[in-house]
Amino acid sequence: MNHDKNYIVFSTELPFWVRIADNFSLLYDDDHKLIIRNSFWKLWIKEIRFDLKTLLYMGERENFYKNSREEFKEIKKKIIENKIPYIWQRCRTVIEIIFFNKNLEKAIKEKNYYLLKNFVFQHLFPHINDFVEQYRMVSFDQMVYKISPWDIPFVSFKINEEPAYTIVTYDYLSWNKIPMIGEYGKPDTFKPFYLIPEPEKIWNNYNSFPTRHLYEIELLNAYNFKIRGDYESAIIRAVTAFEILLDSKIKNFLIKMGKTEEEAEKEIENNYIWRLKKELFYKTVGKRLEDVLSIELLKIVEDARKLRHDIVHKGRKILPSEHGMVRFFLDHLRFAINSLEDNSEYSVNRDKLLLQSNIEFVDFLDQ
């Protein structure tokens, strides 16, 4: 690395251990260096909070005590004089990536956190995952996996030797309580954004607990995988959800036409090819699939099926730049399921529940 240049250090704790010697470094090119840290600690004052407001330091403990910067001297003095409680917490493997980027340096000086956060998603995570994949191939370590913002709640960064800043990667992970909504400046108006109504009635009799169809569970799994950053699994589950419902519709109509359940399942199995499946749907339901969904929506479903095929059979990986495309497919597969269900009240109620849990972009005050 060219040390004559300004450098920027991004560091984050991984959710697992990388079994490589401490301080191992890789120089990928003249301006991009990766370092493994297996001896870092986090220092918390007063209490551990998800929003990191009480995280004072992350690094080697010895370096904290030896650090001669004025702000550290003042902090250590206040902790001792005021007898502020503190606790050290051992980090799992911390990964540091050091590189030079003029545009990023400008964003830091201007405190443009939107650009910094975008940089983390578009560049830092792919760099980390490239190394993680290389490590997995070398070690065959079954505890290690591709990471996403869901796995890493924050990333620290600093330019040269300036104090470190923190980027929260996923707002949900910084919450210290159920989010509240209300009138700004009036705490007495605040109430939980959403709670399950009358849970005592729902859980009163476990044997009569409401169930969901298999395709609904797959749809929920698809959205959960999306939240966790596994876009390949999200597409697989969402397409599977649609196809389970499609087969269920055909099966029900075949049984109404006089087939036994076993005969209906056999006929569906024999028409597994997509073209034949659509013909069987028309033969049994009496409507073409494009008439039930719309020509445009069916085209989107078929494009999603092609992507699922490439993921399953060709090992296709979803790039960060394609995340928006996957979200688009996910939502439109949900629309297709709603149309195929033909029960708008039920579909709308499920959509409300699904969307009420997705409050990533809802502003609330942590009172």
Protein backbone atom coordinates (compact mmCIF):
# COMPACT_ATOMS: atom_id res chain seq x y z
CA MET A 1 0.00 0.00 0.00
CA ASN A 2 1.19 3.47 -0.82
CA HIS A 3 1.51 5.11 2.63
CA ASP A 4 2.15 8.52 1.09
CA LYS A 5 -1.55 8.74 0.34
CA ASN A 6 -4.37 9.43 2.75
CA TYR A 7 -6.03 6.18 3.77
CA ILE A 8 -9.46 5.21 5.03
CA VAL A 9 -10.04 2.28 7.37
CA PHE A 10 -13.37 0.46 7.52
CA SER A 11 -13.69 -2.13 10.27
CA THR A 12 -16.51 -4.37 11.44
CA GLU A 13 -16.98 -7.40 13.66
CA LEU A 14 -18.00 -10.57 11.85
CA PRO A 15 -20.63 -12.88 13.41
CA PHE A 16 -18.13 -15.77 13.37
CA TRP A 17 -14.46 -16.56 13.89
CA VAL A 18 -12.04 -16.64 10.95
CA ARG A 19 -9.38 -19.20 11.83
CA ILE A 20 -6.40 -17.24 10.59
CA ALA A 21 -3.47 -15.88 12.60
CA ASP A 22 -4.06 -12.49 14.21
CA ASN A 23 -3.04 -9.46 12.12
CA PHE A 24 -2.85 -11.48 8.90
CA SER A 25 -3.03 -9.06 5.97
CA LEU A 26 -3.69 -9.31 2.24
CA LEU A 27 -2.64 -6.67 -0.23
CA TYR A 28 -5.09 -6.96 -3.11
CA ASP A 29 -3.69 -4.02 -5.03
CA ASP A 30 -1.80 -0.81 -4.40
CA ASP A 31 -4.78 0.86 -2.70
CA HIS A 32 -6.74 -2.02 -1.13
CA LYS A 33 -5.59 -3.94 1.92
CA LEU A 34 -7.46 -6.38 4.16
CA ILE A 35 -6.45 -7.24 7.75
CA ILE A 36 -7.80 -9.93 10.09
CA ARG A 37 -8.01 -8.98 13.80
CA ASN A 38 -8.63 -11.78 16.30
CA SER A 39 -7.62 -9.94 19.47
CA PHE A 40 -10.04 -6.98 19.50
CA TRP A 41 -12.32 -5.97 22.35
CA LYS A 42 -15.26 -3.59 22.70
CA LEU A 43 -15.47 -1.19 25.64
CA TRP A 44 -18.97 -0.27 26.83
CA ILE A 45 -19.77 2.37 29.46
CA LYS A 46 -22.82 2.21 31.75
CA GLU A 47 -24.73 -0.39 29.69
CA ILE A 48 -24.71 -2.29 26.41
CA ARG A 49 -27.14 -0.70 23.96
CA PHE A 50 -28.07 -1.86 20.48
CA ASP A 51 -27.89 1.71 19.19
CA LEU A 52 -24.17 1.78 20.15
CA LYS A 53 -24.53 5.03 22.12
CA THR A 54 -22.50 3.49 24.94
CA LEU A 55 -19.82 1.85 22.78
CA LEU A 56 -16.68 3.77 23.61
CA TYR A 57 -13.95 1.85 21.83
CA MET A 58 -13.22 -1.20 19.67
CA GLY A 59 -9.67 -2.47 19.31
CA GLU A 60 -6.89 -4.01 21.37
CA ARG A 61 -7.25 -3.31 25.08
CA GLU A 62 -3.59 -2.44 25.48
CA ASN A 63 -3.86 0.22 22.78
CA PHE A 64 -6.75 1.89 24.58
CA TYR A 65 -4.74 2.28 27.77
CA LYS A 66 -1.62 3.38 25.87
CA ASN A 67 -3.46 5.78 23.56
CA SER A 68 -2.14 9.28 24.12
CA ARG A 69 -4.74 11.22 22.10
CA GLU A 70 -6.27 14.03 24.15
CA GLU A 71 -9.86 12.83 23.77
CA PHE A 72 -8.90 9.42 25.16
CA LYS A 73 -7.05 10.99 28.09
CA GLU A 74 -10.16 13.00 28.96
CA ILE A 75 -12.48 10.01 28.63
CA LYS A 76 -10.29 7.77 30.82
CA LYS A 77 -10.05 10.54 33.41
CA LYS A 78 -13.85 10.94 33.56
CA ILE A 79 -14.42 7.19 33.86
CA ILE A 80 -12.01 6.95 36.81
CA GLU A 81 -13.01 10.16 38.63
CA ASN A 82 -16.78 9.66 38.26
CA LYS A 83 -16.58 5.92 38.85
CA ILE A 84 -18.57 5.28 35.68
CA PRO A 85 -19.23 1.54 35.29
CA TYR A 86 -17.72 -0.05 32.20
CA ILE A 87 -17.29 -3.53 30.76
CA TRP A 88 -14.98 -5.10 28.21
CA GLN A 89 -16.52 -7.50 25.69
CA ARG A 90 -14.45 -9.81 23.50
CA CYS A 91 -15.02 -9.39 19.75
CA ARG A 92 -15.22 -12.23 17.31
CA THR A 93 -13.06 -11.77 14.23
CA VAL A 94 -12.86 -8.13 13.18
CA ILE A 95 -12.09 -7.44 9.54
CA GLU A 96 -10.46 -4.20 8.43
CA ILE A 97 -10.29 -2.96 4.87
CA ILE A 98 -7.97 -0.06 4.14
CA PHE A 99 -7.96 1.82 0.85
CA PHE A 100 -7.77 5.24 -0.76
CA ASN A 101 -10.74 6.83 -2.49
CA LYS A 102 -10.92 10.56 -3.22
CA ASN A 103 -14.69 10.59 -3.55
CA LEU A 104 -15.06 8.80 -0.22
CA GLU A 105 -12.65 11.18 1.50
CA LYS A 106 -14.79 14.08 0.28
CA ALA A 107 -17.95 12.39 1.59
CA ILE A 108 -16.37 11.93 5.03
CA LYS A 109 -15.22 15.55 5.27
CA GLU A 110 -18.68 16.73 4.25
CA LYS A 111 -20.29 14.20 6.64
CA ASN A 112 -22.39 12.88 3.77
CA TYR A 113 -23.57 9.69 5.49
CA TYR A 114 -25.87 8.77 2.61
CA LEU A 115 -22.86 8.37 0.31
CA LEU A 116 -20.89 6.56 3.01
CA LYS A 117 -23.71 4.11 3.69
CA ASN A 118 -24.18 3.54 -0.02
CA PHE A 119 -20.45 2.87 -0.32
CA VAL A 120 -20.66 0.27 2.45
CA PHE A 121 -23.48 -1.57 0.65
CA GLN A 122 -22.06 -1.27 -2.86
CA HIS A 123 -18.36 -1.83 -2.17
CA LEU A 124 -17.45 -2.84 1.38
CA PHE A 125 -19.77 -5.83 1.72
CA PRO A 126 -18.72 -7.29 -1.68
CA HIS A 127 -15.04 -6.92 -0.65
CA ILE A 128 -15.70 -8.70 2.64
CA ASN A 129 -17.73 -11.44 0.97
CA ASP A 130 -15.03 -12.02 -1.66
CA PHE A 131 -12.61 -12.77 1.15
CA VAL A 132 -15.18 -14.85 3.06
CA GLU A 133 -15.79 -16.99 -0.02
CA GLN A 134 -12.04 -17.46 -0.54
CA TYR A 135 -11.66 -18.43 3.13
CA ARG A 136 -14.54 -20.92 2.91
CA MET A 137 -12.96 -22.64 -0.09
CA VAL A 138 -9.59 -22.92 1.70
CA SER A 139 -10.91 -23.93 5.14
CA PHE A 140 -14.24 -25.61 4.31
CA ASP A 141 -15.39 -24.00 7.56
CA GLN A 142 -19.10 -24.81 7.97
CA MET A 143 -19.64 -22.00 10.51
CA VAL A 144 -18.84 -19.23 8.02
CA TYR A 145 -21.27 -17.75 5.48
CA LYS A 146 -21.83 -14.78 3.20
CA ILE A 147 -22.71 -11.76 5.33
CA SER A 148 -25.26 -8.99 4.84
CA PRO A 149 -26.28 -5.84 6.76
CA TRP A 150 -28.49 -8.10 8.89
CA ASP A 151 -25.38 -9.87 10.22
CA ILE A 152 -23.34 -6.72 10.85
CA PRO A 153 -25.21 -3.96 12.71
CA PHE A 154 -22.50 -1.32 12.33
CA VAL A 155 -19.30 -0.44 10.50
CA SER A 156 -16.64 1.88 11.95
CA PHE A 157 -14.52 4.05 9.72
CA LYS A 158 -11.79 6.61 10.11
CA ILE A 159 -9.60 8.63 7.79
CA ASN A 160 -5.90 8.58 8.64
CA GLU A 161 -5.64 8.85 12.45
CA GLU A 162 -8.81 10.86 13.04
CA PRO A 163 -11.40 9.63 15.59
CA ALA A 164 -13.61 6.84 14.31
CA TYR A 165 -17.20 7.29 13.13
CA THR A 166 -19.94 4.67 12.97
CA ILE A 167 -22.42 3.73 10.25
CA VAL A 168 -25.48 1.72 11.34
CA THR A 169 -26.07 -0.74 8.52
CA TYR A 170 -29.62 -1.81 9.39
CA ASP A 171 -31.82 0.40 11.54
CA TYR A 172 -33.79 -2.49 13.05
CA LEU A 173 -30.64 -3.80 14.74
CA SER A 174 -30.13 -0.48 16.58
CA TRP A 175 -33.53 -0.47 18.28
CA ASN A 176 -33.51 -0.68 22.08
CA LYS A 177 -37.27 -1.10 22.37
CA ILE A 178 -40.35 -1.66 20.26
CA PRO A 179 -40.60 1.43 18.01
CA MET A 180 -43.07 4.07 19.13
CA ILE A 181 -45.05 6.62 17.13
CA GLY A 182 -46.76 9.79 18.26
CA GLU A 183 -46.67 13.57 18.15
CA TYR A 184 -43.17 15.02 18.13
CA GLY A 185 -42.20 16.55 21.48
CA LYS A 186 -45.15 14.99 23.33
CA PRO A 187 -44.01 11.72 24.90
CA ASP A 188 -47.47 11.07 26.40
CA THR A 189 -48.87 10.63 22.86
CA PHE A 190 -46.41 7.86 21.99
CA LYS A 191 -47.59 4.27 21.60
CA PRO A 192 -46.15 1.12 19.99
CA PHE A 193 -46.18 1.28 16.20
CA TYR A 194 -47.83 -2.14 16.01
CA LEU A 195 -48.71 -4.88 18.50
CA ILE A 196 -50.61 -8.15 17.95
CA PRO A 197 -54.17 -7.33 19.08
CA GLU A 198 -55.58 -9.43 21.93
CA PRO A 199 -52.81 -12.04 21.99
CA GLU A 200 -54.43 -13.75 25.01
CA LYS A 201 -57.34 -14.79 22.77
CA ILE A 202 -55.05 -16.09 20.02
CA TRP A 203 -52.94 -18.18 22.40
CA ASN A 204 -55.85 -19.18 24.65
CA ASN A 205 -56.22 -22.59 23.03
CA TYR A 206 -53.08 -23.84 21.34
CA ASN A 207 -54.94 -26.67 19.62
CA SER A 208 -57.10 -24.19 17.72
CA PHE A 209 -54.22 -21.91 16.83
CA PRO A 210 -54.72 -20.39 13.35
CA THR A 211 -52.61 -22.00 10.64
CA ARG A 212 -51.33 -20.81 7.28
CA HIS A 213 -51.17 -22.54 3.92
CA LEU A 214 -47.81 -23.95 2.87
CA TYR A 215 -47.41 -21.37 0.08
CA GLU A 216 -47.94 -18.56 2.61
CA ILE A 217 -45.16 -19.92 4.81
CA GLU A 218 -42.86 -20.03 1.78
CA LEU A 219 -43.82 -16.44 0.90
CA LEU A 220 -43.02 -15.30 4.46
CA ASN A 221 -39.70 -17.18 4.28
CA ALA A 222 -38.92 -15.39 1.01
CA TYR A 223 -39.34 -11.95 2.60
CA ASN A 224 -37.31 -13.03 5.62
CA PHE A 225 -34.44 -14.17 3.39
CA LYS A 226 -34.60 -10.80 1.61
CA ILE A 227 -34.33 -8.97 4.95
CA ARG A 228 -31.32 -11.13 5.90
CA GLY A 229 -29.59 -10.39 2.59
CA ASP A 230 -29.95 -13.87 1.04
CA TYR A 231 -31.50 -12.78 -2.25
CA GLU A 232 -30.92 -16.11 -3.97
CA SER A 233 -32.99 -17.98 -1.35
CA ALA A 234 -35.61 -15.21 -1.42
CA ILE A 235 -36.28 -15.76 -5.13
CA ILE A 236 -36.29 -19.55 -4.75
CA ARG A 237 -38.85 -19.43 -1.93
CA ALA A 238 -41.09 -16.82 -3.60
CA VAL A 239 -41.31 -18.73 -6.91
CA THR A 240 -41.90 -21.95 -4.95
CA ALA A 241 -44.75 -20.25 -3.05
CA PHE A 242 -46.44 -19.27 -6.32
CA GLU A 243 -46.04 -22.75 -7.79
CA ILE A 244 -47.42 -24.46 -4.66
CA LEU A 245 -50.56 -22.33 -4.90
CA LEU A 246 -50.82 -22.92 -8.67
CA ASP A 247 -50.63 -26.71 -8.18
CA SER A 248 -53.13 -26.51 -5.33
CA LYS A 249 -55.63 -24.67 -7.54
CA ILE A 250 -55.26 -27.24 -10.34
CA LYS A 251 -55.54 -30.13 -7.89
CA ASN A 252 -58.76 -28.79 -6.35
CA PHE A 253 -60.37 -28.43 -9.77
CA LEU A 254 -59.24 -31.93 -10.85
CA ILE A 255 -60.84 -33.40 -7.72
CA LYS A 256 -64.06 -31.48 -8.47
CA MET A 257 -63.95 -33.08 -11.95
CA GLY A 258 -64.00 -36.53 -10.36
CA LYS A 259 -60.32 -37.37 -9.93
CA THR A 260 -59.08 -38.90 -6.71
CA GLU A 261 -56.44 -36.96 -4.78
CA GLU A 262 -53.78 -39.44 -5.89
CA GLU A 263 -54.86 -39.21 -9.54
CA ALA A 264 -54.86 -35.39 -9.39
CA GLU A 265 -51.35 -35.30 -7.95
CA LYS A 266 -50.14 -37.75 -10.60
CA GLU A 267 -51.56 -35.63 -13.42
CA ILE A 268 -49.89 -32.51 -12.01
CA GLU A 269 -46.62 -34.42 -11.73
CA ASN A 270 -46.87 -35.54 -15.37
CA ASN A 271 -47.37 -31.91 -16.48
CA TYR A 272 -44.43 -30.39 -14.62
CA ILE A 273 -43.11 -28.59 -17.72
CA TRP A 274 -44.21 -24.94 -17.53
CA ARG A 275 -46.00 -24.93 -20.90
CA LEU A 276 -47.91 -28.09 -20.00
CA LYS A 277 -48.68 -26.73 -16.53
CA LYS A 278 -50.29 -23.63 -18.05
CA GLU A 279 -52.32 -25.82 -20.42
CA LEU A 280 -53.49 -27.99 -17.52
CA PHE A 281 -54.52 -24.86 -15.62
CA TYR A 282 -56.65 -23.73 -18.59
CA LYS A 283 -58.11 -27.24 -19.00
CA THR A 284 -59.17 -27.49 -15.35
CA VAL A 285 -59.92 -23.91 -14.26
CA GLY A 286 -61.39 -22.79 -17.59
CA LYS A 287 -59.28 -19.61 -17.66
CA ARG A 288 -55.85 -18.90 -19.07
CA LEU A 289 -53.25 -18.00 -16.47
CA GLU A 290 -52.58 -14.67 -18.19
CA ASP A 291 -56.30 -13.84 -17.88
CA VAL A 292 -56.19 -14.46 -14.12
CA LEU A 293 -52.94 -12.56 -13.57
CA SER A 294 -52.61 -10.25 -16.63
CA ILE A 295 -50.16 -10.63 -19.49
CA GLU A 296 -47.67 -8.24 -17.84
CA LEU A 297 -47.76 -9.97 -14.45
CA LEU A 298 -47.40 -13.43 -15.99
CA LYS A 299 -44.32 -12.19 -17.89
CA ILE A 300 -42.77 -11.01 -14.61
CA VAL A 301 -43.55 -14.38 -12.97
CA GLU A 302 -41.90 -16.20 -15.87
CA ASP A 303 -38.82 -13.97 -15.68
CA ALA A 304 -38.61 -14.73 -11.95
CA ARG A 305 -38.87 -18.46 -12.72
CA LYS A 306 -35.97 -18.17 -15.17
CA LEU A 307 -33.89 -16.44 -12.51
CA ARG A 308 -34.79 -19.18 -9.99
CA HIS A 309 -33.71 -21.79 -12.56
CA ASP A 310 -30.35 -20.08 -13.07
CA ILE A 311 -29.78 -19.87 -9.30
CA VAL A 312 -30.67 -23.52 -8.65
CA HIS A 313 -29.14 -25.15 -11.72
CA LYS A 314 -26.32 -22.80 -12.74
CA GLY A 315 -25.18 -21.39 -9.41
CA ARG A 316 -26.19 -17.84 -10.38
CA LYS A 317 -25.36 -15.24 -7.71
CA ILE A 318 -27.30 -12.03 -7.13
CA LEU A 319 -25.06 -8.97 -7.26
CA PRO A 320 -25.65 -5.93 -5.01
CA SER A 321 -26.69 -3.97 -8.09
CA GLU A 322 -29.46 -6.55 -8.68
CA HIS A 323 -31.07 -6.34 -5.24
CA GLY A 324 -33.69 -3.91 -6.54
CA MET A 325 -34.61 -6.38 -9.30
CA VAL A 326 -35.12 -9.15 -6.73
CA ARG A 327 -37.32 -6.90 -4.57
CA PHE A 328 -39.36 -6.13 -7.68
CA PHE A 329 -39.79 -9.84 -8.43
CA LEU A 330 -40.67 -10.57 -4.82
CA ASP A 331 -43.45 -8.00 -4.65
CA HIS A 332 -44.90 -9.01 -8.02
CA LEU A 333 -44.86 -12.69 -7.11
CA ARG A 334 -46.86 -11.66 -4.05
CA PHE A 335 -49.29 -9.77 -6.32
CA ALA A 336 -49.58 -12.90 -8.49
CA ILE A 337 -50.34 -15.04 -5.44
CA ASN A 338 -53.02 -12.56 -4.36
CA SER A 339 -54.63 -12.71 -7.81
CA LEU A 340 -54.49 -16.51 -7.91
CA GLU A 341 -56.02 -16.80 -4.43
CA ASP A 342 -59.05 -14.80 -5.59
CA ASN A 343 -59.83 -13.82 -2.00
CA SER A 344 -59.08 -10.13 -1.76
CA GLU A 345 -60.10 -9.68 1.88
CA TYR A 346 -57.78 -12.49 3.00
CA SER A 347 -54.90 -11.30 0.77
CA VAL A 348 -55.18 -7.69 1.89
CA ASN A 349 -55.20 -8.71 5.55
CA ARG A 350 -52.04 -10.79 5.06
CA ASP A 351 -50.34 -7.97 3.15
CA LYS A 352 -51.11 -5.55 5.98
CA LEU A 353 -49.48 -7.89 8.49
CA LEU A 354 -46.46 -8.37 6.24
CA LEU A 355 -45.97 -4.67 5.64
CA GLN A 356 -46.54 -3.69 9.28
CA SER A 357 -43.40 -5.61 10.18
CA ASN A 358 -41.36 -3.84 7.52
CA ILE A 359 -40.80 -0.55 9.30
CA GLU A 360 -37.20 -0.14 8.26
CA PHE A 361 -37.93 3.31 6.84
CA VAL A 362 -40.45 4.51 9.46
CA ASP A 363 -39.14 7.38 11.56
CA PHE A 364 -39.63 7.03 15.29
CA LEU A 365 -38.10 8.53 18.43
CA ASP A 366 -36.29 6.37 20.95
CA GLN A 367 -37.76 7.89 24.11
